Amino acid sequence: GINLFDINLLPDNPGVYQFFNISNNIIYVGKAKNLKKRIASYFQKTIESAKTKMLVLKAAKIEYVVVDSEGEALLLENT
């Protein structure tokens, strides 16, 4: 997992990421062409979606898996 303040340490690779709450339950699974850009987008100052704001507020930890391609990320996300 990563500390929510260490977003710059994320890789620029495709992959799948999971948001966990304080009870260590998965609250969201997503895929990305670029993990760093996608995950960082959740922490911008102007988040429009109320659903996304709640996700970010409830997130205690993020874990990710790097894969070779976006297609592979899609397959992994679905599992």
N, C-alpha and C. Protein backbone atom coordinates (compact mmCIF):
# COMPACT_ATOMS: atom_id res chain seq x y z
N GLY A 1 0.83 -1.21 0.00
CA GLY A 1 0.00 0.00 0.00
C GLY A 1 0.86 1.24 0.00
N ILE A 2 0.23 2.36 -0.25
CA ILE A 2 0.95 3.63 -0.22
C ILE A 2 0.27 4.56 0.76
N ASN A 3 1.04 5.42 1.34
CA ASN A 3 0.51 6.49 2.15
C ASN A 3 -0.14 7.47 1.19
N LEU A 4 -1.29 8.02 1.56
CA LEU A 4 -2.00 8.91 0.65
C LEU A 4 -1.19 10.15 0.27
N PHE A 5 -0.11 10.43 0.99
CA PHE A 5 0.70 11.60 0.70
C PHE A 5 1.91 11.26 -0.18
N ASP A 6 2.06 10.01 -0.58
CA ASP A 6 3.20 9.56 -1.37
C ASP A 6 2.82 9.29 -2.83
N ILE A 7 1.87 10.04 -3.35
CA ILE A 7 1.39 9.80 -4.71
C ILE A 7 2.50 9.93 -5.75
N ASN A 8 3.47 10.79 -5.52
CA ASN A 8 4.56 10.96 -6.47
C ASN A 8 5.42 9.71 -6.62
N LEU A 9 5.31 8.80 -5.68
CA LEU A 9 6.08 7.56 -5.74
C LEU A 9 5.42 6.50 -6.60
N LEU A 10 4.20 6.74 -7.04
CA LEU A 10 3.49 5.78 -7.89
C LEU A 10 4.15 5.67 -9.26
N PRO A 11 4.08 4.49 -9.86
CA PRO A 11 4.66 4.31 -11.20
C PRO A 11 3.75 4.89 -12.28
N ASP A 12 4.34 5.18 -13.43
CA ASP A 12 3.59 5.67 -14.60
C ASP A 12 3.08 4.51 -15.45
N ASN A 13 3.04 3.32 -14.90
CA ASN A 13 2.65 2.11 -15.63
C ASN A 13 1.14 1.88 -15.56
N PRO A 14 0.63 1.02 -16.46
CA PRO A 14 -0.77 0.60 -16.34
C PRO A 14 -0.91 -0.32 -15.13
N GLY A 15 -2.13 -0.39 -14.61
CA GLY A 15 -2.35 -1.28 -13.48
C GLY A 15 -3.75 -1.18 -12.92
N VAL A 16 -3.93 -1.86 -11.81
CA VAL A 16 -5.20 -1.88 -11.09
C VAL A 16 -4.92 -1.36 -9.69
N TYR A 17 -5.86 -0.57 -9.17
CA TYR A 17 -5.69 -0.02 -7.83
C TYR A 17 -6.92 -0.30 -6.99
N GLN A 18 -6.72 -0.37 -5.68
CA GLN A 18 -7.80 -0.64 -4.74
C GLN A 18 -7.75 0.40 -3.63
N PHE A 19 -8.91 0.98 -3.32
CA PHE A 19 -9.04 1.86 -2.17
C PHE A 19 -9.57 1.03 -1.01
N PHE A 20 -8.98 1.18 0.15
CA PHE A 20 -9.41 0.49 1.37
C PHE A 20 -9.87 1.52 2.40
N ASN A 21 -10.86 1.16 3.20
CA ASN A 21 -11.28 2.04 4.29
C ASN A 21 -10.47 1.72 5.54
N ILE A 22 -10.80 2.40 6.62
CA ILE A 22 -10.05 2.24 7.88
C ILE A 22 -10.16 0.82 8.44
N SER A 23 -11.23 0.10 8.08
CA SER A 23 -11.42 -1.29 8.53
C SER A 23 -10.72 -2.29 7.61
N ASN A 24 -9.96 -1.77 6.65
CA ASN A 24 -9.20 -2.57 5.68
C ASN A 24 -10.12 -3.35 4.72
N ASN A 25 -11.32 -2.82 4.47
CA ASN A 25 -12.22 -3.38 3.47
C ASN A 25 -12.04 -2.64 2.16
N ILE A 26 -12.08 -3.36 1.04
CA ILE A 26 -11.99 -2.71 -0.26
C ILE A 26 -13.27 -1.92 -0.50
N ILE A 27 -13.11 -0.62 -0.82
CA ILE A 27 -14.27 0.22 -1.11
C ILE A 27 -14.33 0.63 -2.58
N TYR A 28 -13.25 0.40 -3.32
CA TYR A 28 -13.26 0.72 -4.75
C TYR A 28 -12.12 0.00 -5.44
N VAL A 29 -12.38 -0.50 -6.65
CA VAL A 29 -11.34 -1.09 -7.50
C VAL A 29 -11.40 -0.38 -8.85
N GLY A 30 -10.26 0.04 -9.37
CA GLY A 30 -10.22 0.70 -10.67
C GLY A 30 -9.01 0.27 -11.46
N LYS A 31 -9.01 0.62 -12.75
CA LYS A 31 -7.86 0.33 -13.61
C LYS A 31 -7.35 1.64 -14.19
N ALA A 32 -6.12 1.62 -14.62
CA ALA A 32 -5.53 2.85 -15.15
C ALA A 32 -4.49 2.54 -16.22
N LYS A 33 -4.41 3.42 -17.22
CA LYS A 33 -3.31 3.36 -18.19
C LYS A 33 -2.03 3.86 -17.52
N ASN A 34 -2.19 4.83 -16.59
CA ASN A 34 -1.07 5.43 -15.88
C ASN A 34 -1.50 5.55 -14.41
N LEU A 35 -0.98 4.68 -13.57
CA LEU A 35 -1.40 4.65 -12.16
C LEU A 35 -1.19 6.00 -11.46
N LYS A 36 -0.04 6.62 -11.68
CA LYS A 36 0.24 7.89 -11.00
C LYS A 36 -0.78 8.95 -11.36
N LYS A 37 -1.05 9.13 -12.66
CA LYS A 37 -2.00 10.16 -13.09
C LYS A 37 -3.41 9.86 -12.61
N ARG A 38 -3.81 8.59 -12.71
CA ARG A 38 -5.19 8.23 -12.34
C ARG A 38 -5.44 8.41 -10.85
N ILE A 39 -4.55 7.88 -10.03
CA ILE A 39 -4.75 7.98 -8.58
C ILE A 39 -4.61 9.44 -8.12
N ALA A 40 -3.67 10.17 -8.69
CA ALA A 40 -3.51 11.59 -8.33
C ALA A 40 -4.77 12.38 -8.66
N SER A 41 -5.50 11.97 -9.70
CA SER A 41 -6.71 12.71 -10.09
C SER A 41 -7.77 12.71 -8.99
N TYR A 42 -7.74 11.71 -8.12
CA TYR A 42 -8.71 11.66 -7.01
C TYR A 42 -8.43 12.72 -5.95
N PHE A 43 -7.22 13.25 -5.95
CA PHE A 43 -6.82 14.15 -4.88
C PHE A 43 -6.62 15.59 -5.35
N GLN A 44 -7.25 15.95 -6.47
CA GLN A 44 -7.23 17.33 -6.94
C GLN A 44 -8.19 18.16 -6.08
N LYS A 45 -7.97 19.45 -6.05
CA LYS A 45 -8.80 20.32 -5.21
C LYS A 45 -10.24 20.42 -5.70
N THR A 46 -10.45 20.29 -6.99
CA THR A 46 -11.80 20.46 -7.54
C THR A 46 -12.37 19.14 -8.02
N ILE A 47 -12.89 18.38 -7.09
CA ILE A 47 -13.56 17.12 -7.42
C ILE A 47 -15.05 17.43 -7.56
N GLU A 48 -15.61 17.16 -8.72
CA GLU A 48 -17.01 17.48 -9.01
C GLU A 48 -17.97 16.48 -8.36
N SER A 49 -17.66 15.21 -8.47
CA SER A 49 -18.57 14.15 -8.07
C SER A 49 -18.63 13.97 -6.55
N ALA A 50 -19.84 13.96 -6.00
CA ALA A 50 -20.02 13.72 -4.56
C ALA A 50 -19.57 12.30 -4.21
N LYS A 51 -19.81 11.36 -5.13
CA LYS A 51 -19.40 9.97 -4.90
C LYS A 51 -17.87 9.87 -4.77
N THR A 52 -17.15 10.59 -5.63
CA THR A 52 -15.69 10.57 -5.58
C THR A 52 -15.19 11.25 -4.31
N LYS A 53 -15.82 12.35 -3.91
CA LYS A 53 -15.43 13.03 -2.67
C LYS A 53 -15.56 12.09 -1.48
N MET A 54 -16.67 11.32 -1.41
CA MET A 54 -16.87 10.39 -0.32
C MET A 54 -15.82 9.27 -0.34
N LEU A 55 -15.51 8.78 -1.54
CA LEU A 55 -14.50 7.74 -1.68
C LEU A 55 -13.16 8.21 -1.11
N VAL A 56 -12.76 9.42 -1.49
CA VAL A 56 -11.48 9.97 -1.04
C VAL A 56 -11.49 10.19 0.48
N LEU A 57 -12.61 10.66 1.01
CA LEU A 57 -12.70 10.89 2.45
C LEU A 57 -12.61 9.58 3.25
N LYS A 58 -13.17 8.51 2.70
CA LYS A 58 -13.19 7.23 3.40
C LYS A 58 -11.92 6.41 3.19
N ALA A 59 -11.10 6.77 2.21
CA ALA A 59 -9.91 5.99 1.89
C ALA A 59 -8.84 6.13 2.98
N ALA A 60 -8.39 4.98 3.47
CA ALA A 60 -7.32 4.97 4.46
C ALA A 60 -6.02 4.43 3.85
N LYS A 61 -6.17 3.68 2.75
CA LYS A 61 -5.00 3.05 2.12
C LYS A 61 -5.33 2.77 0.66
N ILE A 62 -4.30 2.81 -0.18
CA ILE A 62 -4.43 2.44 -1.58
C ILE A 62 -3.36 1.40 -1.89
N GLU A 63 -3.78 0.34 -2.55
CA GLU A 63 -2.83 -0.66 -3.03
C GLU A 63 -2.97 -0.74 -4.54
N TYR A 64 -1.90 -1.17 -5.20
CA TYR A 64 -1.95 -1.26 -6.66
C TYR A 64 -1.11 -2.43 -7.14
N VAL A 65 -1.42 -2.88 -8.36
CA VAL A 65 -0.67 -3.93 -9.04
C VAL A 65 -0.32 -3.38 -10.42
N VAL A 66 0.95 -3.41 -10.76
CA VAL A 66 1.42 -2.97 -12.07
C VAL A 66 1.28 -4.14 -13.04
N VAL A 67 0.80 -3.85 -14.26
CA VAL A 67 0.67 -4.87 -15.30
C VAL A 67 1.35 -4.37 -16.58
N ASP A 68 1.38 -5.22 -17.60
CA ASP A 68 2.08 -4.88 -18.84
C ASP A 68 1.26 -4.04 -19.81
N SER A 69 -0.09 -4.11 -19.71
CA SER A 69 -0.91 -3.41 -20.68
C SER A 69 -2.25 -3.02 -20.06
N GLU A 70 -2.93 -2.11 -20.74
CA GLU A 70 -4.26 -1.70 -20.28
C GLU A 70 -5.25 -2.87 -20.36
N GLY A 71 -5.10 -3.72 -21.38
CA GLY A 71 -5.95 -4.89 -21.51
C GLY A 71 -5.79 -5.85 -20.33
N GLU A 72 -4.56 -6.03 -19.93
CA GLU A 72 -4.27 -6.87 -18.76
C GLU A 72 -4.88 -6.25 -17.49
N ALA A 73 -4.84 -4.93 -17.41
CA ALA A 73 -5.45 -4.23 -16.27
C ALA A 73 -6.95 -4.47 -16.23
N LEU A 74 -7.57 -4.44 -17.38
CA LEU A 74 -9.03 -4.68 -17.45
C LEU A 74 -9.37 -6.08 -16.97
N LEU A 75 -8.60 -7.06 -17.39
CA LEU A 75 -8.83 -8.43 -16.95
C LEU A 75 -8.66 -8.56 -15.44
N LEU A 76 -7.60 -7.96 -14.90
CA LEU A 76 -7.35 -8.04 -13.48
C LEU A 76 -8.43 -7.29 -12.68
N GLU A 77 -8.86 -6.15 -13.17
CA GLU A 77 -9.92 -5.38 -12.50
C GLU A 77 -11.17 -6.23 -12.36
N ASN A 78 -11.51 -6.98 -13.40
CA ASN A 78 -12.72 -7.78 -13.38
C ASN A 78 -12.65 -8.99 -12.46
N THR A 79 -11.43 -9.40 -12.08
CA THR A 79 -11.30 -10.51 -11.14
C THR A 79 -11.27 -9.98 -9.75
